[in-house]
């Protein structure tokens, strides 16, 4: 799990950008 520490901030950042044009990403985002 040594890779999780850098994926943690990266994944939400990607969702933030993708959610702008992809409603399905919005539903996957945590509250």
N, C-alpha and C. Protein backbone atom coordinates (compact mmCIF):
# COMPACT_ATOMS: atom_id res chain seq x y z
N UNK A 1 0.83 -1.21 0.00
CA UNK A 1 0.00 0.00 0.00
C UNK A 1 0.86 1.26 0.00
N UNK A 2 2.13 1.10 -0.36
CA UNK A 2 3.03 2.26 -0.34
C UNK A 2 2.64 3.33 -1.34
N UNK A 3 1.78 2.96 -2.31
CA UNK A 3 1.38 3.93 -3.34
C UNK A 3 0.17 4.74 -2.92
N UNK A 4 -0.54 4.27 -1.88
CA UNK A 4 -1.79 4.91 -1.48
C UNK A 4 -1.58 6.34 -0.98
N UNK A 5 -0.43 6.61 -0.38
CA UNK A 5 -0.21 7.94 0.21
C UNK A 5 -0.21 9.05 -0.82
N UNK A 6 0.20 8.74 -2.07
CA UNK A 6 0.19 9.80 -3.09
C UNK A 6 -1.07 9.75 -3.93
N UNK A 7 -1.74 8.58 -3.94
CA UNK A 7 -3.01 8.50 -4.67
C UNK A 7 -4.13 9.18 -3.90
N UNK A 8 -3.99 9.23 -2.58
CA UNK A 8 -5.04 9.82 -1.75
C UNK A 8 -5.40 11.24 -2.17
N UNK A 9 -4.44 12.16 -2.33
CA UNK A 9 -4.78 13.52 -2.76
C UNK A 9 -5.04 13.62 -4.26
N UNK A 10 -4.49 12.69 -5.04
CA UNK A 10 -4.61 12.76 -6.50
C UNK A 10 -6.00 12.39 -6.98
N UNK A 11 -6.56 11.31 -6.44
CA UNK A 11 -7.86 10.82 -6.91
C UNK A 11 -8.98 11.85 -6.71
N UNK A 12 -9.14 12.44 -5.53
CA UNK A 12 -10.18 13.47 -5.35
C UNK A 12 -9.97 14.65 -6.29
N UNK A 13 -8.72 14.99 -6.58
CA UNK A 13 -8.43 16.10 -7.49
C UNK A 13 -8.92 15.78 -8.89
N UNK A 14 -8.75 14.52 -9.31
CA UNK A 14 -9.22 14.11 -10.63
C UNK A 14 -10.74 14.11 -10.68
N UNK A 15 -11.38 13.63 -9.61
CA UNK A 15 -12.84 13.62 -9.55
C UNK A 15 -13.38 15.04 -9.65
N UNK A 16 -12.70 15.98 -9.01
CA UNK A 16 -13.12 17.38 -9.01
C UNK A 16 -13.17 17.92 -10.43
N UNK A 17 -12.16 17.54 -11.24
CA UNK A 17 -12.09 18.01 -12.63
C UNK A 17 -13.09 17.25 -13.51
N UNK A 18 -13.16 15.93 -13.33
CA UNK A 18 -14.03 15.10 -14.16
C UNK A 18 -15.51 15.39 -13.89
N UNK A 19 -15.84 15.68 -12.64
CA UNK A 19 -17.23 15.88 -12.24
C UNK A 19 -17.85 17.05 -13.02
N UNK A 20 -17.02 17.95 -13.51
CA UNK A 20 -17.53 19.11 -14.24
C UNK A 20 -18.31 18.71 -15.49
N UNK A 21 -17.93 17.60 -16.12
CA UNK A 21 -18.60 17.18 -17.35
C UNK A 21 -19.10 15.76 -17.29
N UNK A 22 -18.92 15.10 -16.14
CA UNK A 22 -19.32 13.70 -16.02
C UNK A 22 -20.16 13.49 -14.76
N UNK A 23 -21.48 13.49 -14.91
CA UNK A 23 -22.37 13.34 -13.73
C UNK A 23 -22.10 12.06 -12.95
N UNK A 24 -21.67 11.00 -13.63
CA UNK A 24 -21.43 9.74 -12.94
C UNK A 24 -20.30 9.88 -11.92
N UNK A 25 -19.32 10.76 -12.20
CA UNK A 25 -18.23 10.96 -11.25
C UNK A 25 -18.74 11.66 -9.99
N UNK A 26 -19.70 12.54 -10.17
CA UNK A 26 -20.26 13.26 -9.02
C UNK A 26 -20.89 12.29 -8.03
N UNK A 27 -21.56 11.26 -8.54
CA UNK A 27 -22.22 10.29 -7.67
C UNK A 27 -21.20 9.41 -6.95
N UNK A 28 -19.99 9.29 -7.54
CA UNK A 28 -18.96 8.45 -6.94
C UNK A 28 -18.20 9.20 -5.86
N UNK A 29 -18.27 10.53 -5.89
CA UNK A 29 -17.52 11.33 -4.92
C UNK A 29 -18.11 11.20 -3.52
N UNK A 30 -17.24 11.07 -2.51
CA UNK A 30 -17.71 11.03 -1.12
C UNK A 30 -18.21 12.39 -0.67
N UNK A 31 -19.06 12.44 0.33
CA UNK A 31 -19.62 13.70 0.81
C UNK A 31 -18.52 14.64 1.30
